[in-house]
N, C-alpha and C. Protein backbone atom coordinates (compact mmCIF):
# COMPACT_ATOMS: atom_id res chain seq x y z
N MET A 1 -10.91 49.75 6.52
CA MET A 1 -9.67 49.28 7.08
C MET A 1 -8.66 49.10 5.94
N LYS A 2 -7.46 49.57 6.16
CA LYS A 2 -6.40 49.46 5.16
C LYS A 2 -5.82 48.05 5.16
N LYS A 3 -5.65 47.49 3.96
CA LYS A 3 -5.08 46.15 3.82
C LYS A 3 -3.61 46.25 3.48
N LYS A 4 -2.85 45.32 4.00
CA LYS A 4 -1.42 45.23 3.69
C LYS A 4 -1.18 43.94 2.93
N ARG A 5 -0.32 43.98 1.95
CA ARG A 5 -0.01 42.80 1.15
C ARG A 5 1.46 42.46 1.29
N LEU A 6 1.72 41.21 1.58
CA LEU A 6 3.09 40.72 1.70
C LEU A 6 3.51 40.12 0.36
N GLU A 7 4.55 40.67 -0.21
CA GLU A 7 5.05 40.15 -1.49
C GLU A 7 6.43 39.54 -1.26
N ILE A 8 6.57 38.29 -1.67
CA ILE A 8 7.81 37.54 -1.46
C ILE A 8 8.27 36.97 -2.79
N GLU A 9 9.55 37.09 -3.06
CA GLU A 9 10.13 36.45 -4.24
C GLU A 9 10.77 35.15 -3.79
N TYR A 10 10.36 34.04 -4.37
CA TYR A 10 10.90 32.73 -4.01
C TYR A 10 12.03 32.37 -4.95
N THR A 11 13.04 31.72 -4.40
CA THR A 11 14.11 31.18 -5.23
C THR A 11 14.17 29.67 -5.00
N PHE A 12 14.26 28.93 -6.08
CA PHE A 12 14.27 27.48 -6.01
C PHE A 12 15.55 26.95 -6.65
N ASP A 13 16.07 25.88 -6.08
CA ASP A 13 17.30 25.29 -6.57
C ASP A 13 17.00 23.98 -7.32
N PHE A 14 16.05 24.05 -8.24
CA PHE A 14 15.74 22.88 -9.06
C PHE A 14 15.07 23.35 -10.34
N GLU A 15 14.97 22.46 -11.29
CA GLU A 15 14.26 22.73 -12.53
C GLU A 15 13.05 21.83 -12.58
N LEU A 16 11.94 22.35 -13.09
CA LEU A 16 10.70 21.60 -13.18
C LEU A 16 10.36 21.41 -14.65
N ILE A 17 10.08 20.16 -15.02
CA ILE A 17 9.74 19.83 -16.40
C ILE A 17 8.37 19.17 -16.39
N GLY A 18 7.48 19.64 -17.24
CA GLY A 18 6.15 19.04 -17.37
C GLY A 18 6.05 18.27 -18.68
N ILE A 19 5.51 17.07 -18.62
CA ILE A 19 5.35 16.25 -19.81
C ILE A 19 3.89 15.80 -19.87
N ILE A 20 3.27 15.99 -21.02
CA ILE A 20 1.91 15.52 -21.24
C ILE A 20 1.98 14.35 -22.21
N SER A 21 1.39 13.22 -21.82
CA SER A 21 1.46 12.02 -22.64
C SER A 21 0.26 11.13 -22.36
N SER A 22 -0.13 10.36 -23.35
CA SER A 22 -1.20 9.39 -23.14
C SER A 22 -0.67 8.09 -22.55
N ALA A 23 0.66 7.97 -22.47
CA ALA A 23 1.28 6.76 -21.91
C ALA A 23 1.10 6.74 -20.39
N LYS A 24 1.06 5.56 -19.83
CA LYS A 24 1.02 5.41 -18.37
C LYS A 24 2.32 5.93 -17.77
N GLY A 25 2.25 6.45 -16.55
CA GLY A 25 3.41 7.06 -15.90
C GLY A 25 4.61 6.15 -15.82
N TYR A 26 4.38 4.88 -15.42
CA TYR A 26 5.50 3.95 -15.26
C TYR A 26 6.15 3.63 -16.61
N LYS A 27 5.35 3.54 -17.66
CA LYS A 27 5.87 3.25 -19.00
C LYS A 27 6.67 4.44 -19.53
N LEU A 28 6.15 5.64 -19.33
CA LEU A 28 6.85 6.84 -19.77
C LEU A 28 8.18 6.99 -19.02
N ALA A 29 8.16 6.78 -17.71
CA ALA A 29 9.38 6.87 -16.91
C ALA A 29 10.40 5.83 -17.37
N TRP A 30 9.94 4.62 -17.66
CA TRP A 30 10.83 3.55 -18.12
C TRP A 30 11.50 3.95 -19.44
N GLU A 31 10.70 4.50 -20.38
CA GLU A 31 11.24 4.92 -21.68
C GLU A 31 12.25 6.06 -21.51
N ILE A 32 11.94 7.03 -20.65
CA ILE A 32 12.87 8.13 -20.41
C ILE A 32 14.15 7.62 -19.76
N ASN A 33 14.01 6.70 -18.81
CA ASN A 33 15.19 6.11 -18.17
C ASN A 33 16.10 5.45 -19.19
N LEU A 34 15.50 4.71 -20.13
CA LEU A 34 16.30 4.04 -21.17
C LEU A 34 16.96 5.05 -22.11
N ALA A 35 16.21 6.04 -22.55
CA ALA A 35 16.72 7.00 -23.54
C ALA A 35 17.78 7.93 -22.96
N LEU A 36 17.61 8.35 -21.70
CA LEU A 36 18.49 9.36 -21.13
C LEU A 36 19.41 8.84 -20.04
N SER A 37 19.39 7.53 -19.80
CA SER A 37 20.16 6.93 -18.70
C SER A 37 19.86 7.65 -17.38
N ALA A 38 18.59 7.93 -17.16
CA ALA A 38 18.14 8.61 -15.94
C ALA A 38 17.68 7.56 -14.93
N ARG A 39 17.28 8.02 -13.75
CA ARG A 39 16.75 7.12 -12.72
C ARG A 39 15.45 7.70 -12.17
N LEU A 40 14.42 7.77 -13.01
CA LEU A 40 13.13 8.27 -12.57
C LEU A 40 12.43 7.20 -11.73
N VAL A 41 11.84 7.60 -10.61
CA VAL A 41 11.11 6.67 -9.76
C VAL A 41 9.77 7.28 -9.38
N LYS A 42 8.77 6.45 -9.18
CA LYS A 42 7.43 6.90 -8.83
C LYS A 42 7.38 7.36 -7.38
N GLN A 43 6.74 8.49 -7.16
CA GLN A 43 6.53 9.04 -5.83
C GLN A 43 5.03 9.03 -5.53
N VAL A 44 4.68 9.26 -4.30
CA VAL A 44 3.27 9.35 -3.91
C VAL A 44 2.64 10.53 -4.65
N ASP A 45 1.42 10.33 -5.20
CA ASP A 45 0.73 11.39 -5.92
C ASP A 45 0.42 12.55 -4.99
N LEU A 46 0.50 13.75 -5.53
CA LEU A 46 0.21 14.96 -4.77
C LEU A 46 -1.26 15.29 -4.96
N ILE A 47 -2.01 15.44 -3.87
CA ILE A 47 -3.42 15.78 -3.94
C ILE A 47 -3.63 17.15 -3.30
N ILE A 48 -4.23 18.05 -4.07
CA ILE A 48 -4.52 19.39 -3.57
C ILE A 48 -6.03 19.56 -3.52
N GLU A 49 -6.56 19.82 -2.34
CA GLU A 49 -8.00 20.03 -2.19
C GLU A 49 -8.26 21.51 -2.00
N GLN A 50 -9.26 22.01 -2.70
CA GLN A 50 -9.62 23.42 -2.60
C GLN A 50 -10.94 23.55 -1.86
N LYS A 51 -11.22 24.75 -1.38
CA LYS A 51 -12.43 24.99 -0.60
C LYS A 51 -13.71 24.77 -1.41
N ILE A 52 -13.65 24.92 -2.71
CA ILE A 52 -14.87 24.83 -3.53
C ILE A 52 -15.10 23.42 -4.07
N THR A 53 -14.89 22.44 -3.23
CA THR A 53 -15.15 21.01 -3.50
C THR A 53 -14.51 20.49 -4.79
N GLN A 54 -13.36 21.02 -5.13
CA GLN A 54 -12.61 20.49 -6.26
C GLN A 54 -11.34 19.86 -5.73
N MET A 55 -10.88 18.84 -6.42
CA MET A 55 -9.65 18.18 -6.02
C MET A 55 -8.74 18.07 -7.23
N LEU A 56 -7.48 18.38 -7.06
CA LEU A 56 -6.50 18.32 -8.12
C LEU A 56 -5.51 17.21 -7.77
N LEU A 57 -5.39 16.21 -8.63
CA LEU A 57 -4.47 15.09 -8.43
C LEU A 57 -3.28 15.27 -9.36
N ILE A 58 -2.09 15.31 -8.80
CA ILE A 58 -0.88 15.50 -9.59
C ILE A 58 0.02 14.29 -9.42
N PRO A 59 0.09 13.42 -10.44
CA PRO A 59 1.02 12.28 -10.37
C PRO A 59 2.45 12.80 -10.39
N THR A 60 3.31 12.24 -9.55
CA THR A 60 4.68 12.73 -9.48
C THR A 60 5.69 11.62 -9.70
N ILE A 61 6.74 11.96 -10.43
CA ILE A 61 7.85 11.07 -10.66
C ILE A 61 9.11 11.86 -10.31
N HIS A 62 9.98 11.28 -9.54
CA HIS A 62 11.15 11.97 -9.01
C HIS A 62 12.41 11.39 -9.63
N LEU A 63 13.36 12.25 -9.95
CA LEU A 63 14.64 11.81 -10.49
C LEU A 63 15.59 11.58 -9.33
N LYS A 64 16.02 10.35 -9.13
CA LYS A 64 16.99 10.03 -8.08
C LYS A 64 18.38 10.28 -8.62
N MET A 65 19.16 10.98 -7.85
CA MET A 65 20.54 11.25 -8.25
C MET A 65 21.39 10.03 -7.92
N LYS A 66 22.36 9.76 -8.76
CA LYS A 66 23.22 8.59 -8.57
C LYS A 66 24.19 8.80 -7.47
């Protein structure tokens, strides 16, 4: 049987920044807020479960616009 593949190009209207740190999330967000006059706030953690009994936990912090 012949397989068909759907290819889609996604466009997003945001920028994603990843930060790796040994600091706790709330402490890091507080320091960034002070240094950059930003308004980072804690969001519910994103949990992705895969079929092969693995779970990926992604802590999330969201920038609130003024």
